[in-house]
Amino acid sequence: MTVLATLASRKRMKTRYDSIATDHHFKEGYQVWTYNPKIRRGLSSKQQQNWKGPYTVVKKLNDDVFIIQRSPNAKPKVIHVNRPAPYLANDHSSMK
């Protein structure tokens, strides 16, 4: 009985996760934002920036893990596919 309830619960959780999960395919050289909800002491959560970037995708280790780097001299970071979002640069030179 418990096994059946666990299997049913697992199936519901997977369906819910799959409905909201994004399927980004970042290639080497792509620019991304990185989600980092670290709460710093003394600041309200509304005053903190949760998205850092832009970072450049240096290497794709597998479908779920990437190595990113902020600049060529910066220390590389290993992140899961759930944390980055595409970086869309604004070109303000056309606004005259």
PDB file of N, CA and C in Angstrom:
ATOM      1  N   MET A   1       0.819  -1.186   0.000  1.00  0.00           N
ATOM      2  CA  MET A   1       0.000   0.000   0.000  1.00  0.00           C
ATOM      3  C   MET A   1       0.871   1.262   0.000  1.00  0.00           C
ATOM      4  N   THR A   2       1.885   1.300   0.844  1.00  0.00           N
ATOM      5  CA  THR A   2       2.766   2.454   0.918  1.00  0.00           C
ATOM      6  C   THR A   2       3.559   2.628  -0.374  1.00  0.00           C
ATOM      7  N   VAL A   3       3.958   1.523  -0.966  1.00  0.00           N
ATOM      8  CA  VAL A   3       4.719   1.574  -2.210  1.00  0.00           C
ATOM      9  C   VAL A   3       3.884   2.200  -3.319  1.00  0.00           C
ATOM     10  N   LEU A   4       2.613   1.836  -3.405  1.00  0.00           N
ATOM     11  CA  LEU A   4       1.735   2.397  -4.430  1.00  0.00           C
ATOM     12  C   LEU A   4       1.531   3.898  -4.234  1.00  0.00           C
ATOM     13  N   ALA A   5       1.376   4.320  -2.992  1.00  0.00           N
ATOM     14  CA  ALA A   5       1.208   5.744  -2.706  1.00  0.00           C
ATOM     15  C   ALA A   5       2.475   6.521  -3.060  1.00  0.00           C
ATOM     16  N   THR A   6       3.633   5.941  -2.773  1.00  0.00           N
ATOM     17  CA  THR A   6       4.904   6.584  -3.102  1.00  0.00           C
ATOM     18  C   THR A   6       5.073   6.721  -4.606  1.00  0.00           C
ATOM     19  N   LEU A   7       4.742   5.675  -5.350  1.00  0.00           N
ATOM     20  CA  LEU A   7       4.850   5.732  -6.809  1.00  0.00           C
ATOM     21  C   LEU A   7       3.899   6.771  -7.402  1.00  0.00           C
ATOM     22  N   ALA A   8       2.691   6.842  -6.882  1.00  0.00           N
ATOM     23  CA  ALA A   8       1.731   7.836  -7.369  1.00  0.00           C
ATOM     24  C   ALA A   8       2.209   9.252  -7.063  1.00  0.00           C
ATOM     25  N   SER A   9       2.747   9.442  -5.872  1.00  0.00           N
ATOM     26  CA  SER A   9       3.266  10.751  -5.488  1.00  0.00           C
ATOM     27  C   SER A   9       4.451  11.147  -6.365  1.00  0.00           C
ATOM     28  N   ARG A  10       5.334  10.206  -6.640  1.00  0.00           N
ATOM     29  CA  ARG A  10       6.497  10.459  -7.487  1.00  0.00           C
ATOM     30  C   ARG A  10       6.062  10.884  -8.892  1.00  0.00           C
ATOM     31  N   LYS A  11       5.037  10.220  -9.405  1.00  0.00           N
ATOM     32  CA  LYS A  11       4.536  10.537 -10.750  1.00  0.00           C
ATOM     33  C   LYS A  11       3.930  11.946 -10.789  1.00  0.00           C
ATOM     34  N   ARG A  12       3.174  12.322  -9.751  1.00  0.00           N
ATOM     35  CA  ARG A  12       2.593  13.669  -9.689  1.00  0.00           C
ATOM     36  C   ARG A  12       3.677  14.735  -9.600  1.00  0.00           C
ATOM     37  N   MET A  13       4.708  14.484  -8.789  1.00  0.00           N
ATOM     38  CA  MET A  13       5.791  15.455  -8.651  1.00  0.00           C
ATOM     39  C   MET A  13       6.553  15.632  -9.961  1.00  0.00           C
ATOM     40  N   LYS A  14       6.787  14.538 -10.686  1.00  0.00           N
ATOM     41  CA  LYS A  14       7.482  14.629 -11.965  1.00  0.00           C
ATOM     42  C   LYS A  14       6.659  15.407 -12.980  1.00  0.00           C
ATOM     43  N   THR A  15       5.362  15.171 -13.013  1.00  0.00           N
ATOM     44  CA  THR A  15       4.485  15.895 -13.931  1.00  0.00           C
ATOM     45  C   THR A  15       4.503  17.387 -13.625  1.00  0.00           C
ATOM     46  N   ARG A  16       4.447  17.740 -12.355  1.00  0.00           N
ATOM     47  CA  ARG A  16       4.475  19.144 -11.952  1.00  0.00           C
ATOM     48  C   ARG A  16       5.811  19.785 -12.305  1.00  0.00           C
ATOM     49  N   TYR A  17       6.917  19.106 -12.047  1.00  0.00           N
ATOM     50  CA  TYR A  17       8.241  19.640 -12.368  1.00  0.00           C
ATOM     51  C   TYR A  17       8.398  19.826 -13.873  1.00  0.00           C
ATOM     52  N   ASP A  18       7.986  18.832 -14.650  1.00  0.00           N
ATOM     53  CA  ASP A  18       8.131  18.908 -16.102  1.00  0.00           C
ATOM     54  C   ASP A  18       7.284  20.019 -16.710  1.00  0.00           C
ATOM     55  N   SER A  19       6.185  20.382 -16.064  1.00  0.00           N
ATOM     56  CA  SER A  19       5.325  21.429 -16.616  1.00  0.00           C
ATOM     57  C   SER A  19       5.945  22.815 -16.474  1.00  0.00           C
ATOM     58  N   ILE A  20       6.817  23.025 -15.474  1.00  0.00           N
ATOM     59  CA  ILE A  20       7.409  24.348 -15.277  1.00  0.00           C
ATOM     60  C   ILE A  20       8.897  24.396 -15.602  1.00  0.00           C
ATOM     61  N   ALA A  21       9.524  23.264 -15.839  1.00  0.00           N
ATOM     62  CA  ALA A  21      10.956  23.237 -16.130  1.00  0.00           C
ATOM     63  C   ALA A  21      11.209  23.784 -17.529  1.00  0.00           C
ATOM     64  N   THR A  22      12.285  24.560 -17.648  1.00  0.00           N
ATOM     65  CA  THR A  22      12.660  25.095 -18.954  1.00  0.00           C
ATOM     66  C   THR A  22      13.729  24.206 -19.560  1.00  0.00           C
ATOM     67  N   ASP A  23      13.726  24.143 -20.854  1.00  0.00           N
ATOM     68  CA  ASP A  23      14.675  23.287 -21.554  1.00  0.00           C
ATOM     69  C   ASP A  23      15.593  24.161 -22.400  1.00  0.00           C
ATOM     70  N   HIS A  24      16.587  24.775 -21.747  1.00  0.00           N
ATOM     71  CA  HIS A  24      17.528  25.635 -22.457  1.00  0.00           C
ATOM     72  C   HIS A  24      18.650  24.793 -23.030  1.00  0.00           C
ATOM     73  N   HIS A  25      19.058  25.139 -24.218  1.00  0.00           N
ATOM     74  CA  HIS A  25      20.188  24.477 -24.857  1.00  0.00           C
ATOM     75  C   HIS A  25      21.264  25.527 -25.091  1.00  0.00           C
ATOM     76  N   PHE A  26      22.139  25.700 -24.114  1.00  0.00           N
ATOM     77  CA  PHE A  26      23.205  26.685 -24.230  1.00  0.00           C
ATOM     78  C   PHE A  26      24.418  26.045 -24.880  1.00  0.00           C
ATOM     79  N   LYS A  27      25.027  26.764 -25.801  1.00  0.00           N
ATOM     80  CA  LYS A  27      26.241  26.292 -26.455  1.00  0.00           C
ATOM     81  C   LYS A  27      27.414  27.106 -25.941  1.00  0.00           C
ATOM     82  N   GLU A  28      28.614  26.631 -26.222  1.00  0.00           N
ATOM     83  CA  GLU A  28      29.810  27.357 -25.810  1.00  0.00           C
ATOM     84  C   GLU A  28      29.820  28.728 -26.467  1.00  0.00           C
ATOM     85  N   GLY A  29      30.129  29.750 -25.663  1.00  0.00           N
ATOM     86  CA  GLY A  29      30.163  31.111 -26.159  1.00  0.00           C
ATOM     87  C   GLY A  29      28.888  31.898 -25.908  1.00  0.00           C
ATOM     88  N   TYR A  30      27.787  31.235 -25.530  1.00  0.00           N
ATOM     89  CA  TYR A  30      26.535  31.928 -25.240  1.00  0.00           C
ATOM     90  C   TYR A  30      26.698  32.745 -23.963  1.00  0.00           C
ATOM     91  N   GLN A  31      25.988  33.857 -23.885  1.00  0.00           N
ATOM     92  CA  GLN A  31      25.983  34.686 -22.689  1.00  0.00           C
ATOM     93  C   GLN A  31      24.724  34.357 -21.885  1.00  0.00           C
ATOM     94  N   VAL A  32      24.881  34.235 -20.563  1.00  0.00           N
ATOM     95  CA  VAL A  32      23.765  33.857 -19.692  1.00  0.00           C
ATOM     96  C   VAL A  32      23.761  34.693 -18.415  1.00  0.00           C
ATOM     97  N   TRP A  33      22.582  34.834 -17.823  1.00  0.00           N
ATOM     98  CA  TRP A  33      22.416  35.325 -16.464  1.00  0.00           C
ATOM     99  C   TRP A  33      22.448  34.108 -15.553  1.00  0.00           C
ATOM    100  N   THR A  34      22.860  34.287 -14.302  1.00  0.00           N
ATOM    101  CA  THR A  34      22.879  33.189 -13.347  1.00  0.00           C
ATOM    102  C   THR A  34      22.039  33.557 -12.130  1.00  0.00           C
ATOM    103  N   TYR A  35      21.135  32.658 -11.739  1.00  0.00           N
ATOM    104  CA  TYR A  35      20.267  32.866 -10.585  1.00  0.00           C
ATOM    105  C   TYR A  35      20.997  32.453  -9.319  1.00  0.00           C
ATOM    106  N   ASN A  36      21.092  33.387  -8.366  1.00  0.00           N
ATOM    107  CA  ASN A  36      21.779  33.120  -7.110  1.00  0.00           C
ATOM    108  C   ASN A  36      21.004  33.795  -5.980  1.00  0.00           C
ATOM    109  N   PRO A  37      20.034  33.110  -5.366  1.00  0.00           N
ATOM    110  CA  PRO A  37      19.184  33.741  -4.356  1.00  0.00           C
ATOM    111  C   PRO A  37      19.807  33.787  -2.963  1.00  0.00           C
ATOM    112  N   LYS A  38      21.086  34.060  -2.887  1.00  0.00           N
ATOM    113  CA  LYS A  38      21.776  34.110  -1.597  1.00  0.00           C
ATOM    114  C   LYS A  38      21.346  35.376  -0.849  1.00  0.00           C
ATOM    115  N   ILE A  39      20.866  35.209   0.367  1.00  0.00           N
ATOM    116  CA  ILE A  39      20.394  36.339   1.164  1.00  0.00           C
ATOM    117  C   ILE A  39      21.549  36.853   2.015  1.00  0.00           C
ATOM    118  N   ARG A  40      21.864  38.134   1.817  1.00  0.00           N
ATOM    119  CA  ARG A  40      22.940  38.740   2.587  1.00  0.00           C
ATOM    120  C   ARG A  40      22.376  39.403   3.835  1.00  0.00           C
ATOM    121  N   ARG A  41      23.124  39.350   4.887  1.00  0.00           N
ATOM    122  CA  ARG A  41      22.701  39.900   6.167  1.00  0.00           C
ATOM    123  C   ARG A  41      22.607  41.427   6.077  1.00  0.00           C
ATOM    124  N   GLY A  42      21.542  41.969   6.644  1.00  0.00           N
ATOM    125  CA  GLY A  42      21.380  43.413   6.710  1.00  0.00           C
ATOM    126  C   GLY A  42      20.616  44.016   5.549  1.00  0.00           C
ATOM    127  N   LEU A  43      20.282  43.229   4.542  1.00  0.00           N
ATOM    128  CA  LEU A  43      19.534  43.739   3.397  1.00  0.00           C
ATOM    129  C   LEU A  43      18.225  42.981   3.250  1.00  0.00           C
ATOM    130  N   SER A  44      17.212  43.698   2.831  1.00  0.00           N
ATOM    131  CA  SER A  44      15.935  43.064   2.534  1.00  0.00           C
ATOM    132  C   SER A  44      16.087  42.218   1.278  1.00  0.00           C
ATOM    133  N   SER A  45      15.324  41.156   1.174  1.00  0.00           N
ATOM    134  CA  SER A  45      15.414  40.307  -0.013  1.00  0.00           C
ATOM    135  C   SER A  45      14.973  41.059  -1.263  1.00  0.00           C
ATOM    136  N   LYS A  46      14.132  42.068  -1.105  1.00  0.00           N
ATOM    137  CA  LYS A  46      13.699  42.869  -2.251  1.00  0.00           C
ATOM    138  C   LYS A  46      14.807  43.781  -2.766  1.00  0.00           C
ATOM    139  N   GLN A  47      15.780  44.104  -1.927  1.00  0.00           N
ATOM    140  CA  GLN A  47      16.856  45.001  -2.326  1.00  0.00           C
ATOM    141  C   GLN A  47      18.050  44.262  -2.915  1.00  0.00           C
ATOM    142  N   GLN A  48      18.014  42.980  -2.936  1.00  0.00           N
ATOM    143  CA  GLN A  48      19.146  42.204  -3.427  1.00  0.00           C
ATOM    144  C   GLN A  48      18.929  41.791  -4.867  1.00  0.00           C
ATOM    145  N   GLN A  49      20.021  41.655  -5.587  1.00  0.00           N
ATOM    146  CA  GLN A  49      19.954  41.187  -6.963  1.00  0.00           C
ATOM    147  C   GLN A  49      20.126  39.676  -6.975  1.00  0.00           C
ATOM    148  N   ASN A  50      19.115  38.976  -7.465  1.00  0.00           N
ATOM    149  CA  ASN A  50      19.193  37.521  -7.527  1.00  0.00           C
ATOM    150  C   ASN A  50      19.842  37.031  -8.810  1.00  0.00           C
ATOM    151  N   TRP A  51      19.911  37.865  -9.835  1.00  0.00           N
ATOM    152  CA  TRP A  51      20.477  37.465 -11.121  1.00  0.00           C
ATOM    153  C   TRP A  51      21.803  38.176 -11.318  1.00  0.00           C
ATOM    154  N   LYS A  52      22.841  37.433 -11.585  1.00  0.00           N
ATOM    155  CA  LYS A  52      24.185  37.970 -11.815  1.00  0.00           C
ATOM    156  C   LYS A  52      24.572  37.700 -13.257  1.00  0.00           C
ATOM    157  N   GLY A  53      25.387  38.576 -13.809  1.00  0.00           N
ATOM    158  CA  GLY A  53      25.851  38.298 -15.163  1.00  0.00           C
ATOM    159  C   GLY A  53      26.208  39.556 -15.909  1.00  0.00           C
ATOM    160  N   PRO A  54      26.501  39.425 -17.153  1.00  0.00           N
ATOM    161  CA  PRO A  54      26.454  38.212 -17.968  1.00  0.00           C
ATOM    162  C   PRO A  54      27.690  37.344 -17.783  1.00  0.00           C
ATOM    163  N   TYR A  55      27.484  36.061 -17.861  1.00  0.00           N
ATOM    164  CA  TYR A  55      28.547  35.067 -17.857  1.00  0.00           C
ATOM    165  C   TYR A  55      28.609  34.449 -19.247  1.00  0.00           C
ATOM    166  N   THR A  56      29.753  33.899 -19.589  1.00  0.00           N
ATOM    167  CA  THR A  56      29.922  33.214 -20.866  1.00  0.00           C
ATOM    168  C   THR A  56      30.035  31.721 -20.609  1.00  0.00           C
ATOM    169  N   VAL A  57      29.303  30.932 -21.382  1.00  0.00           N
ATOM    170  CA  VAL A  57      29.391  29.472 -21.262  1.00  0.00           C
ATOM    171  C   VAL A  57      30.718  29.043 -21.875  1.00  0.00           C
ATOM    172  N   VAL A  58      31.596  28.479 -21.041  1.00  0.00           N
ATOM    173  CA  VAL A  58      32.921  28.059 -21.487  1.00  0.00           C
ATOM    174  C   VAL A  58      32.880  26.641 -22.034  1.00  0.00           C
ATOM    175  N   LYS A  59      32.166  25.762 -21.318  1.00  0.00           N
ATOM    176  CA  LYS A  59      32.135  24.359 -21.714  1.00  0.00           C
ATOM    177  C   LYS A  59      30.848  23.715 -21.222  1.00  0.00           C
ATOM    178  N   LYS A  60      30.343  22.782 -21.999  1.00  0.00           N
ATOM    179  CA  LYS A  60      29.174  22.004 -21.610  1.00  0.00           C
ATOM    180  C   LYS A  60      29.670  20.625 -21.192  1.00  0.00           C
ATOM    181  N   LEU A  61      29.543  20.309 -19.898  1.00  0.00           N
ATOM    182  CA  LEU A  61      30.035  19.024 -19.403  1.00  0.00           C
ATOM    183  C   LEU A  61      29.101  17.885 -19.785  1.00  0.00           C
ATOM    184  N   ASN A  62      27.793  18.112 -19.649  1.00  0.00           N
ATOM    185  CA  ASN A  62      26.771  17.172 -20.126  1.00  0.00           C
ATOM    186  C   ASN A  62      25.491  17.969 -20.336  1.00  0.00           C
ATOM    187  N   ASP A  63      24.366  17.328 -20.510  1.00  0.00           N
ATOM    188  CA  ASP A  63      23.122  18.051 -20.790  1.00  0.00           C
ATOM    189  C   ASP A  63      22.657  18.921 -19.629  1.00  0.00           C
ATOM    190  N   ASP A  64      23.105  18.643 -18.425  1.00  0.00           N
ATOM    191  CA  ASP A  64      22.619  19.357 -17.248  1.00  0.00           C
ATOM    192  C   ASP A  64      23.641  20.264 -16.579  1.00  0.00           C
ATOM    193  N   VAL A  65      24.908  20.183 -16.931  1.00  0.00           N
ATOM    194  CA  VAL A  65      25.951  20.911 -16.211  1.00  0.00           C
ATOM    195  C   VAL A  65      26.814  21.708 -17.188  1.00  0.00           C
ATOM    196  N   PHE A  66      27.078  22.978 -16.812  1.00  0.00           N
ATOM    197  CA  PHE A  66      27.885  23.872 -17.631  1.00  0.00           C
ATOM    198  C   PHE A  66      29.002  24.479 -16.802  1.00  0.00           C
ATOM    199  N   ILE A  67      30.066  24.888 -17.472  1.00  0.00           N
ATOM    200  CA  ILE A  67      31.106  25.700 -16.853  1.00  0.00           C
ATOM    201  C   ILE A  67      30.950  27.095 -17.433  1.00  0.00           C
ATOM    202  N   ILE A  68      30.815  28.098 -16.544  1.00  0.00           N
ATOM    203  CA  ILE A  68      30.659  29.479 -16.987  1.00  0.00           C
ATOM    204  C   ILE A  68      31.773  30.323 -16.399  1.00  0.00           C
ATOM    205  N   GLN A  69      32.003  31.490 -17.014  1.00  0.00           N
ATOM    206  CA  GLN A  69      33.068  32.370 -16.561  1.00  0.00           C
ATOM    207  C   GLN A  69      32.652  33.807 -16.849  1.00  0.00           C
ATOM    208  N   ARG A  70      32.886  34.705 -15.900  1.00  0.00           N
ATOM    209  CA  ARG A  70      32.482  36.111 -16.058  1.00  0.00           C
ATOM    210  C   ARG A  70      33.414  36.857 -16.993  1.00  0.00           C
ATOM    211  N   SER A  71      34.714  36.615 -16.885  1.00  0.00           N
ATOM    212  CA  SER A  71      35.709  37.230 -17.764  1.00  0.00           C
ATOM    213  C   SER A  71      36.826  36.214 -17.974  1.00  0.00           C
ATOM    214  N   PRO A  72      37.710  36.446 -18.935  1.00  0.00           N
ATOM    215  CA  PRO A  72      38.775  35.467 -19.183  1.00  0.00           C
ATOM    216  C   PRO A  72      39.693  35.232 -17.979  1.00  0.00           C
ATOM    217  N   ASN A  73      39.816  36.216 -17.095  1.00  0.00           N
ATOM    218  CA  ASN A  73      40.696  36.076 -15.930  1.00  0.00           C
ATOM    219  C   ASN A  73      39.965  35.583 -14.687  1.00  0.00           C
ATOM    220  N   ALA A  74      38.644  35.494 -14.739  1.00  0.00           N
ATOM    221  CA  ALA A  74      37.848  35.094 -13.573  1.00  0.00           C
ATOM    222  C   ALA A  74      37.887  33.584 -13.375  1.00  0.00           C
ATOM    223  N   LYS A  75      37.590  33.178 -12.146  1.00  0.00           N
ATOM    224  CA  LYS A  75      37.545  31.757 -11.817  1.00  0.00           C
ATOM    225  C   LYS A  75      36.287  31.136 -12.422  1.00  0.00           C
ATOM    226  N   PRO A  76      36.404  30.014 -13.139  1.00  0.00           N
ATOM    227  CA  PRO A  76      35.218  29.377 -13.726  1.00  0.00           C
ATOM    228  C   PRO A  76      34.308  28.781 -12.650  1.00  0.00           C
ATOM    229  N   LYS A  77      33.005  28.751 -12.947  1.00  0.00           N
ATOM    230  CA  LYS A  77      32.012  28.174 -12.040  1.00  0.00           C
ATOM    231  C   LYS A  77      31.297  27.035 -12.745  1.00  0.00           C
ATOM    232  N   VAL A  78      30.947  26.014 -11.989  1.00  0.00           N
ATOM    233  CA  VAL A  78      30.170  24.893 -12.510  1.00  0.00           C
ATOM    234  C   VAL A  78      28.734  25.090 -12.029  1.00  0.00           C
ATOM    235  N   ILE A  79      27.781  25.110 -12.977  1.00  0.00           N
ATOM    236  CA  ILE A  79      26.385  25.343 -12.615  1.00  0.00           C
ATOM    237  C   ILE A  79      25.473  24.323 -13.281  1.00  0.00           C
ATOM    238  N   HIS A  80      24.314  24.125 -12.670  1.00  0.00           N
ATOM    239  CA  HIS A  80      23.287  23.225 -13.204  1.00  0.00           C
ATOM    240  C   HIS A  80      22.421  23.989 -14.199  1.00  0.00           C
ATOM    241  N   VAL A  81      21.792  23.301 -15.110  1.00  0.00           N
ATOM    242  CA  VAL A  81      20.990  23.913 -16.167  1.00  0.00           C
ATOM    243  C   VAL A  81      19.794  24.696 -15.622  1.00  0.00           C
ATOM    244  N   ASN A  82      19.372  24.459 -14.392  1.00  0.00           N
ATOM    245  CA  ASN A  82      18.248  25.188 -13.812  1.00  0.00           C
ATOM    246  C   ASN A  82      18.611  26.619 -13.425  1.00  0.00           C
ATOM    247  N   ARG A  83      19.897  26.939 -13.279  1.00  0.00           N
ATOM    248  CA  ARG A  83      20.286  28.256 -12.797  1.00  0.00           C
ATOM    249  C   ARG A  83      20.475  29.321 -13.865  1.00  0.00           C
ATOM    250  N   PRO A  84      20.944  29.022 -15.075  1.00  0.00           N
ATOM    251  CA  PRO A  84      21.135  30.115 -16.037  1.00  0.00           C
ATOM    252  C   PRO A  84      19.873  30.457 -16.823  1.00  0.00           C
ATOM    253  N   ALA A  85      19.858  31.696 -17.329  1.00  0.00           N
ATOM    254  CA  ALA A  85      18.808  32.166 -18.235  1.00  0.00           C
ATOM    255  C   ALA A  85      19.504  32.899 -19.372  1.00  0.00           C
ATOM    256  N   PRO A  86      18.929  32.913 -20.556  1.00  0.00           N
ATOM    257  CA  PRO A  86      19.584  33.578 -21.686  1.00  0.00           C
ATOM    258  C   PRO A  86      19.782  35.070 -21.422  1.00  0.00           C
ATOM    259  N   TYR A  87      20.931  35.583 -21.811  1.00  0.00           N
ATOM    260  CA  TYR A  87      21.240  37.003 -21.690  1.00  0.00           C
ATOM    261  C   TYR A  87      20.910  37.664 -23.015  1.00  0.00           C
ATOM    262  N   LEU A  88      20.002  38.620 -22.976  1.00  0.00           N
ATOM    263  CA  LEU A  88      19.617  39.349 -24.178  1.00  0.00           C
ATOM    264  C   LEU A  88      20.127  40.774 -24.043  1.00  0.00           C
ATOM    265  N   ALA A  89      21.173  41.116 -24.789  1.00  0.00           N
ATOM    266  CA  ALA A  89      21.786  42.439 -24.705  1.00  0.00           C
ATOM    267  C   ALA A  89      20.903  43.463 -25.397  1.00  0.00           C
ATOM    268  N   ASN A  90      20.811  44.632 -24.798  1.00  0.00           N
ATOM    269  CA  ASN A  90      20.074  45.737 -25.408  1.00  0.00           C
ATOM    270  C   ASN A  90      21.035  46.572 -26.231  1.00  0.00           C
ATOM    271  N   ASP A  91      20.675  46.837 -27.460  1.00  0.00           N
ATOM    272  CA  ASP A  91      21.495  47.667 -28.325  1.00  0.00           C
ATOM    273  C   ASP A  91      20.883  49.064 -28.337  1.00  0.00           C
ATOM    274  N   HIS A  92      21.462  49.980 -27.555  1.00  0.00           N
ATOM    275  CA  HIS A  92      20.925  51.331 -27.449  1.00  0.00           C
ATOM    276  C   HIS A  92      21.458  52.256 -28.538  1.00  0.00           C
ATOM    277  N   SER A  93      22.352  51.786 -29.390  1.00  0.00           N
ATOM    278  CA  SER A  93      22.913  52.649 -30.426  1.00  0.00           C
ATOM    279  C   SER A  93      21.874  53.012 -31.483  1.00  0.00           C
ATOM    280  N   SER A  94      20.824  52.215 -31.630  1.00  0.00           N
ATOM    281  CA  SER A  94      19.796  52.491 -32.632  1.00  0.00           C
ATOM    282  C   SER A  94      18.737  53.468 -32.123  1.00  0.00           C
ATOM    283  N   MET A  95      18.819  53.842 -30.851  1.00  0.00           N
ATOM    284  CA  MET A  95      17.820  54.739 -30.269  1.00  0.00           C
ATOM    285  C   MET A  95      18.313  56.182 -30.347  1.00  0.00           C
ATOM    286  N   LYS A  96      18.106  56.828 -31.487  1.00  0.00           N
ATOM    287  CA  LYS A  96      18.537  58.226 -31.653  1.00  0.00           C
ATOM    288  C   LYS A  96      17.411  59.074 -32.139  1.00  0.00           C
TER     289      LYS A  96
END
